[in-house]
Amino acid sequence: MKVTVIGTGYVGLVTGTCLAESGNTVACVDTDPRKIEMLKKGIVPIYEPGLKEVMDRNVAQGRLTFTTDLYSVMDDSEVLMIAVGTPPGEDGSADLQYVLAVAESIGRCLKSYKVIVNKSTVPVGSGDRVREAIKKHTDVEFDVVSNPEFLKEGDAVNDFMKPDRIVIGVSSTRAEELMKRLYAPFHRTGHRVVTMDVRSAEMTKYAANAMLATKITFMNEIANLCEECGADINHVRFGIGSDKRIGPHFLFAGIGYGGSCFPKDVSALIRIAHQYNMNLKILDAVDEVNHKQRTRLVEKVVKRFGEDLTGLKFGIWGLSFKPRTDDMREAPSIYVIEMLKERGAELHVYDPQAMENARPIFGDKAHFHEDYYSLLKDADALLICTEWQEFREPDFVRIKSLLKRPIIFDGRNLFEPPHMREIGFEYFGIGRN
């Protein structure tokens, strides 16, 4: 099939590349000429394991192209996928201006039947708004489909190629059959295609992310309680995760969730409820607790060193909101660094992939290092904000020799407290006694 993907951000680039990998001819469109030139040169603007290799292969085989000219490629396509950003507005609701602008552009040049697919995360009812925006400019027949993505940053290529479910929201049999044909290569081994109406598909995306955010936040609340009553959150996690009704995923305590999805989607779902004069009390609490959890590590630092941190140096491992990505959006490290800096601390930081994205955010508030040991020299403590694999088995003898004091504040519970005490560290985890 021939597909046009509009938007070469995280979702658009992964979607276009993986659809090309299954044999489709895909054109990825973006209004940013600089980004398109980078992609044509084989430069991937995001860090996602495996993406560059798949992209290079499909470009070389002629199945994947990049352009700024939507009109030059949309006529030949059966499916037009909208994958532009829906950033949060000031009130937390999703901003649809980019989605609707693309819809109007499609409407102006629509000459034959197309399926218009919303891949962007959009509020319930957005399909109707996209349809109205297109119909203002054309009488040509088309269908609007909701096809939300469920990609984990750091494992997105695998998630797309081997999905646990494909959700398709449709209002016509014609669109449903075309979408099933498009996704046929991805569910031949028994993976489910779930079809429903458009509004239910739009809600499914928000509900899924809100549920996962709730699991994380619940565990953080329990972790904080564990600290007070002398329990260990890791033992609790294993104990409840073995219940098949709950499962082991998203039960890790830490310093809060971040990224482009959970914070934005929880806020957007709360705002959707407000439009219907409802309050989602559980999600209000999830949002509130997550904001507070981001301060948890700093609270531990202040309890150990005092409110005034002037003259103290801290090394920080990990900046991205989670490992295997360079995404800094809503990363807990941002809040940790801001709060420590406000108290006068000197901060030295390292991340395997997110350094370039972090520099504009922190500016001169932090000193950036090219390796994760050099920043520890004469530091008063080490703080861990992201659980990158390379941090899990460090050289503790070397760490101890570099630090001014053998103190670690671990926001991701990478190490076992008894072992850390045994080798001479003061160790502060989340929910660990």
Protein backbone atom coordinates (compact mmCIF):
# COMPACT_ATOMS: atom_id res chain seq x y z
CA MET A 1 0.00 0.00 0.00
CA LYS A 2 0.97 3.64 -0.38
CA VAL A 3 0.91 5.70 2.80
CA THR A 4 1.65 9.32 3.67
CA VAL A 5 2.65 10.11 7.26
CA ILE A 6 2.39 13.79 8.17
CA GLY A 7 4.75 14.73 10.99
CA THR A 8 8.23 13.29 11.56
CA GLY A 9 8.33 13.51 15.33
CA TYR A 10 8.58 10.48 17.55
CA VAL A 11 5.29 8.86 16.53
CA GLY A 12 5.40 9.83 12.86
CA LEU A 13 8.95 8.71 12.20
CA VAL A 14 8.57 5.36 13.96
CA THR A 15 5.21 4.74 12.28
CA GLY A 16 6.42 5.62 8.78
CA THR A 17 9.61 3.62 9.12
CA CYS A 18 7.90 0.49 10.44
CA LEU A 19 5.13 0.62 7.83
CA ALA A 20 7.83 0.78 5.15
CA GLU A 21 9.58 -2.19 6.77
CA SER A 22 6.45 -4.29 6.14
CA GLY A 23 6.58 -3.56 2.40
CA ASN A 24 4.50 -0.39 2.06
CA THR A 25 5.64 2.67 0.14
CA VAL A 26 5.71 5.48 2.67
CA ALA A 27 6.29 9.22 2.31
CA CYS A 28 7.01 11.10 5.54
CA VAL A 29 6.09 14.79 5.40
CA ASP A 30 7.17 17.64 7.66
CA THR A 31 7.00 21.43 7.41
CA ASP A 32 10.51 21.78 8.86
CA PRO A 33 12.95 21.73 5.89
CA ARG A 34 15.95 21.36 8.20
CA LYS A 35 14.55 18.17 9.71
CA ILE A 36 13.71 16.75 6.29
CA GLU A 37 17.25 17.42 5.05
CA MET A 38 18.66 15.68 8.10
CA LEU A 39 16.46 12.65 7.46
CA LYS A 40 17.46 12.53 3.81
CA LYS A 41 21.08 12.40 4.96
CA GLY A 42 20.30 9.51 7.30
CA ILE A 43 20.44 11.59 10.48
CA VAL A 44 17.74 10.55 12.95
CA PRO A 45 16.68 13.52 15.12
CA ILE A 46 15.59 11.32 18.05
CA TYR A 47 17.32 8.52 19.91
CA GLU A 48 15.36 5.30 19.59
CA PRO A 49 17.19 1.94 19.60
CA GLY A 50 17.04 0.19 16.21
CA LEU A 51 15.25 3.02 14.39
CA LYS A 52 18.18 4.25 12.31
CA GLU A 53 19.03 0.79 11.01
CA VAL A 54 15.44 0.15 9.88
CA MET A 55 15.16 3.64 8.40
CA ASP A 56 18.41 3.36 6.44
CA ARG A 57 17.41 -0.02 5.05
CA ASN A 58 14.03 1.18 3.77
CA VAL A 59 15.40 4.42 2.33
CA ALA A 60 18.02 2.38 0.43
CA GLN A 61 15.31 0.08 -0.92
CA GLY A 62 13.18 3.01 -2.06
CA ARG A 63 10.20 2.34 0.22
CA LEU A 64 10.72 5.32 2.52
CA THR A 65 11.08 8.96 1.41
CA PHE A 66 11.00 12.36 3.10
CA THR A 67 9.55 15.62 1.80
CA THR A 68 8.12 18.99 2.81
CA ASP A 69 5.57 18.89 -0.04
CA LEU A 70 2.38 17.16 1.12
CA TYR A 71 0.57 17.73 -2.14
CA SER A 72 3.22 15.97 -4.21
CA VAL A 73 2.68 12.66 -2.39
CA MET A 74 -0.88 12.56 -1.06
CA ASP A 75 -2.62 11.86 -4.40
CA ASP A 76 -0.89 8.49 -4.75
CA SER A 77 -1.61 7.46 -1.16
CA GLU A 78 -4.53 5.39 0.05
CA VAL A 79 -3.95 6.34 3.67
CA LEU A 80 -2.97 9.74 5.11
CA MET A 81 -1.77 9.55 8.72
CA ILE A 82 -1.72 12.67 10.88
CA ALA A 83 1.08 12.37 13.45
CA VAL A 84 1.74 15.97 14.48
CA GLY A 85 2.10 17.22 18.04
CA THR A 86 -0.78 17.94 20.41
CA PRO A 87 1.04 19.92 23.11
CA PRO A 88 -0.75 20.76 26.36
CA GLY A 89 -2.38 24.17 26.57
CA GLU A 90 -2.16 26.42 29.61
CA ASP A 91 -5.09 24.59 31.21
CA GLY A 92 -3.66 21.14 30.48
CA SER A 93 -5.98 20.35 27.56
CA ALA A 94 -4.55 19.07 24.27
CA ASP A 95 -3.90 21.75 21.64
CA LEU A 96 -5.36 20.63 18.29
CA GLN A 97 -4.15 23.54 16.17
CA TYR A 98 -1.55 21.47 14.30
CA VAL A 99 -3.90 18.54 13.73
CA LEU A 100 -6.63 20.82 12.36
CA ALA A 101 -4.15 22.75 10.20
CA VAL A 102 -3.10 19.47 8.56
CA ALA A 103 -6.76 18.52 8.10
CA GLU A 104 -7.46 21.76 6.29
CA SER A 105 -4.40 21.28 4.08
CA ILE A 106 -5.66 17.81 3.15
CA GLY A 107 -9.14 19.16 2.40
CA ARG A 108 -7.83 21.79 -0.01
CA CYS A 109 -6.18 19.20 -2.24
CA LEU A 110 -8.28 16.07 -1.80
CA LYS A 111 -9.09 14.65 -5.24
CA SER A 112 -10.06 11.04 -4.49
CA TYR A 113 -11.18 8.85 -1.60
CA LYS A 114 -8.69 8.60 1.26
CA VAL A 115 -8.66 7.28 4.77
CA ILE A 116 -7.47 10.05 7.09
CA VAL A 117 -5.94 8.50 10.21
CA ASN A 118 -5.41 10.30 13.51
CA LYS A 119 -2.22 8.83 15.03
CA SER A 120 -1.81 11.85 17.29
CA THR A 121 -3.22 11.60 20.80
CA VAL A 122 -6.38 13.70 20.59
CA PRO A 123 -9.36 14.40 22.87
CA VAL A 124 -12.63 12.58 22.45
CA GLY A 125 -14.55 14.17 19.58
CA SER A 126 -11.44 15.24 17.63
CA GLY A 127 -12.34 12.92 14.76
CA ASP A 128 -15.48 14.98 14.22
CA ARG A 129 -13.45 18.19 14.23
CA VAL A 130 -10.98 16.77 11.71
CA ARG A 131 -13.87 15.70 9.49
CA GLU A 132 -15.41 19.20 9.67
CA ALA A 133 -12.06 20.86 8.87
CA ILE A 134 -11.64 18.72 5.75
CA LYS A 135 -15.26 19.07 4.58
CA LYS A 136 -14.96 22.85 4.58
CA HIS A 137 -12.74 22.55 1.50
CA THR A 138 -13.97 19.52 -0.44
CA ASP A 139 -16.97 17.40 -1.50
CA VAL A 140 -14.77 14.36 -2.18
CA GLU A 141 -15.59 11.27 -0.11
CA PHE A 142 -13.21 10.33 2.72
CA ASP A 143 -13.19 8.58 6.10
CA VAL A 144 -11.62 9.67 9.36
CA VAL A 145 -10.14 6.91 11.53
CA SER A 146 -8.70 6.96 15.03
CA ASN A 147 -5.66 4.68 15.32
CA PRO A 148 -3.85 5.58 18.56
CA GLU A 149 -0.27 4.47 19.07
CA PHE A 150 0.92 2.50 22.10
CA LEU A 151 4.67 2.84 21.70
CA LYS A 152 7.09 2.82 24.61
CA GLU A 153 10.01 5.13 24.11
CA GLY A 154 13.15 2.99 24.13
CA ASP A 155 11.33 -0.01 22.63
CA ALA A 156 9.12 1.63 20.01
CA VAL A 157 10.28 -0.29 16.94
CA ASN A 158 9.65 -3.62 18.63
CA ASP A 159 6.29 -2.38 19.95
CA PHE A 160 5.18 -1.39 16.45
CA MET A 161 6.40 -4.54 14.73
CA LYS A 162 5.02 -6.87 17.44
CA PRO A 163 2.01 -5.07 18.95
CA ASP A 164 -0.04 -6.55 21.75
CA ARG A 165 -3.09 -4.84 20.25
CA ILE A 166 -3.99 -2.53 17.37
CA VAL A 167 -6.90 -0.22 18.10
CA ILE A 168 -8.88 1.05 15.12
CA GLY A 169 -11.79 3.47 15.52
CA VAL A 170 -13.89 3.58 12.33
CA SER A 171 -17.30 4.68 11.10
CA SER A 172 -17.42 2.74 7.80
CA THR A 173 -16.79 -0.82 6.60
CA ARG A 174 -14.67 0.51 3.75
CA ALA A 175 -12.24 2.23 6.11
CA GLU A 176 -12.17 -0.76 8.45
CA GLU A 177 -11.21 -3.19 5.68
CA LEU A 178 -8.49 -0.89 4.38
CA MET A 179 -6.98 -0.44 7.86
CA LYS A 180 -7.05 -4.19 8.51
CA ARG A 181 -5.21 -4.73 5.24
CA LEU A 182 -2.60 -2.14 6.23
CA TYR A 183 -1.98 -3.84 9.56
CA ALA A 184 -2.27 -7.45 8.38
CA PRO A 185 1.53 -8.06 8.48
CA PHE A 186 1.60 -7.09 12.16
CA HIS A 187 -0.93 -9.52 13.59
CA ARG A 188 -0.45 -12.79 11.69
CA THR A 189 0.86 -14.49 14.83
CA GLY A 190 -2.37 -13.95 16.72
CA HIS A 191 -2.05 -10.35 17.89
CA ARG A 192 -5.41 -8.68 18.17
CA VAL A 193 -6.93 -5.97 16.04
CA VAL A 194 -9.60 -4.26 18.13
CA THR A 195 -12.16 -2.29 16.12
CA MET A 196 -14.59 0.16 17.66
CA ASP A 197 -16.17 3.54 17.03
CA VAL A 198 -13.94 6.59 16.66
CA ARG A 199 -14.73 8.20 20.02
CA SER A 200 -14.10 4.99 21.93
CA ALA A 201 -10.70 4.63 20.23
CA GLU A 202 -9.81 8.20 21.19
CA MET A 203 -10.78 7.50 24.80
CA THR A 204 -8.88 4.18 24.83
CA LYS A 205 -5.54 5.95 24.37
CA TYR A 206 -6.12 8.35 27.27
CA ALA A 207 -7.57 5.66 29.52
CA ALA A 208 -4.61 3.32 28.92
CA ASN A 209 -2.01 5.97 29.78
CA ALA A 210 -4.02 7.19 32.76
CA MET A 211 -4.24 3.61 34.11
CA LEU A 212 -0.47 3.10 33.80
CA ALA A 213 0.21 6.49 35.40
CA THR A 214 -2.11 5.48 38.25
CA LYS A 215 -0.19 2.22 38.84
CA ILE A 216 3.11 4.10 39.04
CA THR A 217 1.67 6.73 41.35
CA PHE A 218 -0.02 4.18 43.62
CA MET A 219 3.33 2.40 44.06
CA ASN A 220 5.05 5.68 44.87
CA GLU A 221 2.45 6.37 47.56
CA ILE A 222 2.99 2.88 49.00
CA ALA A 223 6.77 3.37 48.80
CA ASN A 224 6.52 6.53 50.87
CA LEU A 225 4.40 4.67 53.42
CA CYS A 226 6.98 1.83 53.46
CA GLU A 227 9.65 4.30 54.55
CA GLU A 228 7.52 5.40 57.48
CA CYS A 229 6.56 1.95 58.72
CA GLY A 230 9.80 0.06 58.02
CA ALA A 231 8.68 -2.05 55.06
CA ASP A 232 10.61 -2.43 51.77
CA ILE A 233 8.86 -1.46 48.53
CA ASN A 234 10.85 -3.97 46.47
CA HIS A 235 9.51 -6.84 48.56
CA VAL A 236 6.01 -5.40 48.32
CA ARG A 237 6.38 -5.03 44.54
CA PHE A 238 7.25 -8.70 44.12
CA GLY A 239 4.48 -9.71 46.45
CA ILE A 240 1.66 -7.90 44.64
CA GLY A 241 3.15 -8.21 41.14
CA SER A 242 2.86 -11.99 41.31
CA ASP A 243 -0.92 -11.61 41.41
CA LYS A 244 -1.94 -12.19 37.78
CA ARG A 245 -4.80 -9.73 38.20
CA ILE A 246 -2.22 -6.99 38.83
CA GLY A 247 0.93 -8.16 37.04
CA PRO A 248 4.54 -7.01 37.48
CA HIS A 249 4.60 -4.07 35.06
CA PHE A 250 4.67 -0.39 36.10
CA LEU A 251 5.11 -1.25 39.79
CA PHE A 252 8.55 0.33 40.24
CA ALA A 253 8.75 3.09 42.83
CA GLY A 254 10.79 6.19 42.03
CA ILE A 255 10.69 9.95 41.66
CA GLY A 256 7.60 10.14 39.48
CA TYR A 257 6.67 9.60 35.87
CA GLY A 258 7.55 12.02 33.06
CA GLY A 259 7.83 12.04 29.29
CA SER A 260 5.57 13.16 26.50
CA CYS A 261 2.55 10.96 27.27
CA PHE A 262 1.61 10.31 30.88
CA PRO A 263 1.74 13.89 32.27
CA LYS A 264 0.08 15.36 29.18
CA ASP A 265 -2.57 12.68 28.82
CA VAL A 266 -3.55 12.61 32.49
CA SER A 267 -4.01 16.39 32.41
CA ALA A 268 -5.93 16.24 29.14
CA LEU A 269 -8.28 13.54 30.42
CA ILE A 270 -8.99 15.61 33.53
CA ARG A 271 -9.87 18.56 31.26
CA ILE A 272 -12.09 16.38 29.07
CA ALA A 273 -14.04 15.42 32.19
CA HIS A 274 -14.40 19.09 33.15
CA GLN A 275 -16.03 19.74 29.77
CA TYR A 276 -18.76 17.33 30.86
CA ASN A 277 -18.98 18.85 34.36
CA MET A 278 -17.23 15.90 35.96
CA ASN A 279 -14.28 15.63 38.32
CA LEU A 280 -12.05 12.57 38.01
CA LYS A 281 -10.98 12.47 41.64
CA ILE A 282 -8.61 9.54 41.20
CA LEU A 283 -6.74 11.23 38.35
CA ASP A 284 -6.68 14.55 40.21
CA ALA A 285 -4.89 12.69 42.99
CA VAL A 286 -2.56 10.92 40.55
CA ASP A 287 -1.52 14.26 39.07
CA GLU A 288 -1.02 15.84 42.49
CA VAL A 289 0.96 12.92 43.93
CA ASN A 290 3.20 12.73 40.87
CA HIS A 291 4.10 16.41 41.15
CA LYS A 292 5.00 15.90 44.80
CA GLN A 293 6.94 12.71 44.13
CA ARG A 294 9.35 14.65 41.92
CA THR A 295 10.51 16.51 45.04
CA ARG A 296 11.09 13.34 47.06
CA LEU A 297 14.80 13.01 46.30
CA VAL A 298 15.46 16.66 47.13
CA GLU A 299 13.60 16.24 50.43
CA LYS A 300 16.03 13.44 51.32
CA VAL A 301 19.02 15.61 50.38
CA VAL A 302 17.72 18.48 52.51
CA LYS A 303 17.04 16.17 55.44
CA ARG A 304 20.65 14.93 55.26
CA PHE A 305 22.46 18.23 54.53
CA GLY A 306 20.07 20.99 55.60
CA GLU A 307 17.99 23.51 53.67
CA ASP A 308 20.98 25.64 52.60
CA LEU A 309 23.11 23.65 50.14
CA THR A 310 25.53 26.47 49.33
CA GLY A 311 29.06 25.15 48.88
CA LEU A 312 27.93 21.56 48.33
CA LYS A 313 28.61 19.70 45.08
CA PHE A 314 26.36 16.93 43.78
CA GLY A 315 26.86 14.55 40.89
CA ILE A 316 23.73 13.47 39.00
CA TRP A 317 23.45 10.33 36.89
CA GLY A 318 20.64 10.34 34.35
CA LEU A 319 18.63 13.24 32.90
CA SER A 320 16.11 11.74 30.45
CA PHE A 321 12.69 10.88 31.85
CA LYS A 322 13.49 7.17 31.45
CA PRO A 323 16.31 5.03 29.99
CA ARG A 324 16.75 4.21 26.28
CA THR A 325 15.53 7.63 25.15
CA ASP A 326 16.87 11.18 24.85
CA ASP A 327 13.46 12.65 25.74
CA MET A 328 13.62 15.36 28.40
CA ARG A 329 9.93 16.27 28.39
CA GLU A 330 8.65 16.44 31.99
CA ALA A 331 11.76 14.57 33.17
CA PRO A 332 11.94 14.41 36.99
CA SER A 333 15.60 15.46 36.76
CA ILE A 334 14.44 18.93 35.69
CA TYR A 335 12.64 19.43 38.99
CA VAL A 336 15.46 17.91 41.02
CA ILE A 337 18.08 20.19 39.45
CA GLU A 338 15.91 23.31 39.73
CA MET A 339 15.25 22.71 43.43
CA LEU A 340 18.86 21.90 44.28
CA LYS A 341 20.08 24.95 42.40
CA GLU A 342 17.60 27.18 44.23
CA ARG A 343 19.22 26.01 47.46
CA GLY A 344 22.71 26.94 46.27
CA ALA A 345 24.10 23.55 45.23
CA GLU A 346 26.76 23.07 42.53
CA LEU A 347 25.55 20.41 40.08
CA HIS A 348 27.48 18.12 37.74
CA VAL A 349 25.47 15.90 35.39
CA TYR A 350 25.72 13.08 32.87
CA ASP A 351 23.30 11.15 30.64
CA PRO A 352 24.19 8.62 27.91
CA GLN A 353 21.81 10.13 25.32
CA ALA A 354 19.98 13.24 26.56
CA MET A 355 22.87 15.69 27.00
CA GLU A 356 22.12 17.77 23.89
CA ASN A 357 18.44 18.02 24.73
CA ALA A 358 19.27 18.88 28.34
CA ARG A 359 21.74 21.71 27.65
CA PRO A 360 19.10 24.25 26.52
CA ILE A 361 16.95 23.39 29.54
CA PHE A 362 19.63 23.76 32.22
CA GLY A 363 22.00 26.27 30.63
CA ASP A 364 24.61 27.27 33.20
CA LYS A 365 22.71 25.70 36.11
CA ALA A 366 24.66 22.47 35.64
CA HIS A 367 28.11 21.34 34.50
CA PHE A 368 27.95 18.65 31.81
CA HIS A 369 30.40 15.73 31.79
CA GLU A 370 31.29 13.21 29.09
CA ASP A 371 31.53 10.28 31.49
CA TYR A 372 29.74 9.40 34.70
CA TYR A 373 32.74 8.99 36.96
CA SER A 374 34.51 12.32 36.39
CA LEU A 375 31.57 14.30 37.78
CA LEU A 376 31.94 12.53 41.14
CA LYS A 377 35.35 13.98 41.98
CA ASP A 378 35.07 15.76 45.35
CA ALA A 379 31.26 15.64 45.20
CA ASP A 380 29.36 15.51 48.48
CA ALA A 381 26.93 12.91 47.14
CA LEU A 382 25.71 11.08 44.04
CA LEU A 383 22.07 11.37 42.93
CA ILE A 384 20.50 8.93 40.45
CA CYS A 385 17.52 10.21 38.44
CA THR A 386 17.34 7.72 35.52
CA GLU A 387 17.88 3.96 35.62
CA TRP A 388 20.20 3.55 32.61
CA GLN A 389 21.61 0.04 32.31
CA GLU A 390 25.21 1.21 32.60
CA PHE A 391 24.50 2.58 36.09
CA ARG A 392 23.33 -0.75 37.49
CA GLU A 393 26.73 -2.36 38.11
CA PRO A 394 29.17 0.52 38.69
CA ASP A 395 32.62 0.38 40.25
CA PHE A 396 31.71 1.16 43.84
CA VAL A 397 35.35 1.26 44.95
CA ARG A 398 36.01 3.94 42.35
CA ILE A 399 32.86 5.86 43.32
CA LYS A 400 33.89 5.82 46.97
CA SER A 401 37.39 7.05 46.14
CA LEU A 402 36.05 9.97 44.09
CA LEU A 403 33.26 11.18 46.37
CA LYS A 404 34.10 13.50 49.23
CA ARG A 405 31.55 11.53 51.27
CA PRO A 406 30.24 8.05 50.40
CA ILE A 407 26.59 9.07 50.04
CA ILE A 408 24.12 7.99 47.32
CA PHE A 409 20.56 9.20 46.84
CA ASP A 410 18.98 6.68 44.48
CA GLY A 411 15.75 7.87 42.89
CA ARG A 412 15.33 4.61 40.96
CA ASN A 413 16.23 1.93 43.54
CA LEU A 414 19.07 0.43 41.52
CA PHE A 415 20.94 -1.02 44.49
CA GLU A 416 20.18 -3.10 47.57
CA PRO A 417 20.39 -1.17 50.88
CA PRO A 418 22.06 -3.99 52.90
CA HIS A 419 24.82 -4.34 50.31
CA MET A 420 25.37 -0.59 50.16
CA ARG A 421 25.69 -0.39 53.94
CA GLU A 422 28.06 -3.36 53.91
CA ILE A 423 30.46 -1.63 51.50
CA GLY A 424 30.38 1.62 53.46
CA PHE A 425 27.83 3.87 51.78
CA GLU A 426 25.08 6.00 53.21
CA TYR A 427 22.30 4.96 50.87
CA PHE A 428 18.88 6.58 50.42
CA GLY A 429 16.38 4.90 48.12
CA ILE A 430 12.65 5.33 47.58
CA GLY A 431 10.57 3.17 49.93
CA ARG A 432 13.59 1.18 51.11
CA ASN A 433 14.25 0.75 54.83
